[in-house]
Amino acid sequence: MNIIEAIRRAENGDLITNNLLKKSDMFLKYISNGVFYQYQVVNDKPIYKYEVREFSMVHILSIGWEVVVENYFE
């Protein structure tokens, strides 16, 4: 899926990732007003890394966006 589809899914509560984030066991959680929190999974637990307000061109052009199967916050 592309970034627009991924953002829509995130706004509906899904956790999202892409090829670049997956390499480091990271994912994004939508907070509100276009703000995401980036987490890294360490020992099967999400660790907050930082806030994401803007995406790089690499992330925007990526077609490797997907929903994270595990929901670490349920």
Protein backbone atom coordinates (compact mmCIF):
# COMPACT_ATOMS: atom_id res chain seq x y z
CA MET A 1 0.00 0.00 0.00
CA ASN A 2 1.13 3.60 -0.42
CA ILE A 3 1.60 6.19 2.33
CA ILE A 4 -1.88 7.69 1.92
CA GLU A 5 -3.56 4.32 2.43
CA ALA A 6 -1.26 3.61 5.38
CA ILE A 7 -2.08 6.93 7.05
CA ARG A 8 -5.79 6.26 6.64
CA ARG A 9 -5.37 2.87 8.27
CA ALA A 10 -3.33 4.44 11.10
CA GLU A 11 -6.03 7.04 11.70
CA ASN A 12 -8.41 4.13 12.23
CA GLY A 13 -6.19 2.60 14.91
CA ASP A 14 -3.79 0.34 12.99
CA LEU A 15 -0.06 0.43 13.62
CA ILE A 16 1.89 0.90 10.38
CA THR A 17 5.38 0.24 9.11
CA ASN A 18 7.29 0.17 5.84
CA ASN A 19 10.36 -1.55 4.41
CA LEU A 20 12.78 0.93 6.00
CA LEU A 21 11.19 0.88 9.45
CA LYS A 22 10.86 -2.92 9.47
CA LYS A 23 14.62 -3.34 9.07
CA SER A 24 15.02 -1.81 12.55
CA ASP A 25 11.91 -3.43 14.06
CA MET A 26 10.13 -0.06 14.13
CA PHE A 27 6.56 1.03 13.52
CA LEU A 28 4.40 4.14 13.74
CA LYS A 29 1.34 4.81 15.88
CA TYR A 30 -0.98 7.67 14.91
CA ILE A 31 -1.65 10.06 17.80
CA SER A 32 -3.67 12.98 16.38
CA ASN A 33 -3.51 16.01 14.09
CA GLY A 34 -0.95 14.40 11.77
CA VAL A 35 1.40 13.38 14.59
CA PHE A 36 2.81 9.85 14.85
CA TYR A 37 4.95 8.24 17.53
CA GLN A 38 7.71 5.96 16.33
CA TYR A 39 8.40 2.85 18.39
CA GLN A 40 11.05 0.16 18.24
CA VAL A 41 10.23 -3.38 19.33
CA VAL A 42 12.76 -4.68 21.85
CA ASN A 43 12.15 -8.06 23.47
CA ASP A 44 8.56 -8.00 22.13
CA LYS A 45 7.86 -4.66 23.86
CA PRO A 46 7.39 -1.30 22.12
CA ILE A 47 9.89 1.35 23.16
CA TYR A 48 9.03 4.97 22.30
CA LYS A 49 11.72 6.60 20.13
CA TYR A 50 10.39 9.96 18.97
CA GLU A 51 7.59 11.99 17.45
CA VAL A 52 7.14 12.11 13.68
CA ARG A 53 5.48 15.18 12.16
CA GLU A 54 6.98 15.05 8.67
CA PHE A 55 7.90 12.16 6.41
CA SER A 56 11.05 12.09 4.30
CA MET A 57 10.78 11.75 0.54
CA VAL A 58 11.97 8.15 0.86
CA HIS A 59 9.02 7.34 3.13
CA ILE A 60 6.57 9.19 0.90
CA LEU A 61 7.68 7.31 -2.21
CA SER A 62 7.79 3.91 -0.50
CA ILE A 63 5.13 1.48 -1.67
CA GLY A 64 6.11 -0.99 1.04
CA TRP A 65 3.73 0.33 3.70
CA GLU A 66 1.78 -2.26 5.66
CA VAL A 67 -0.19 -2.78 8.83
CA VAL A 68 1.67 -4.29 11.78
CA VAL A 69 0.07 -7.63 12.63
CA GLU A 70 0.78 -7.44 16.37
CA ASN A 71 -1.03 -4.66 18.18
CA TYR A 72 1.27 -3.88 21.08
CA PHE A 73 -1.21 -1.51 22.74
CA GLU A 74 -4.32 -3.69 23.13
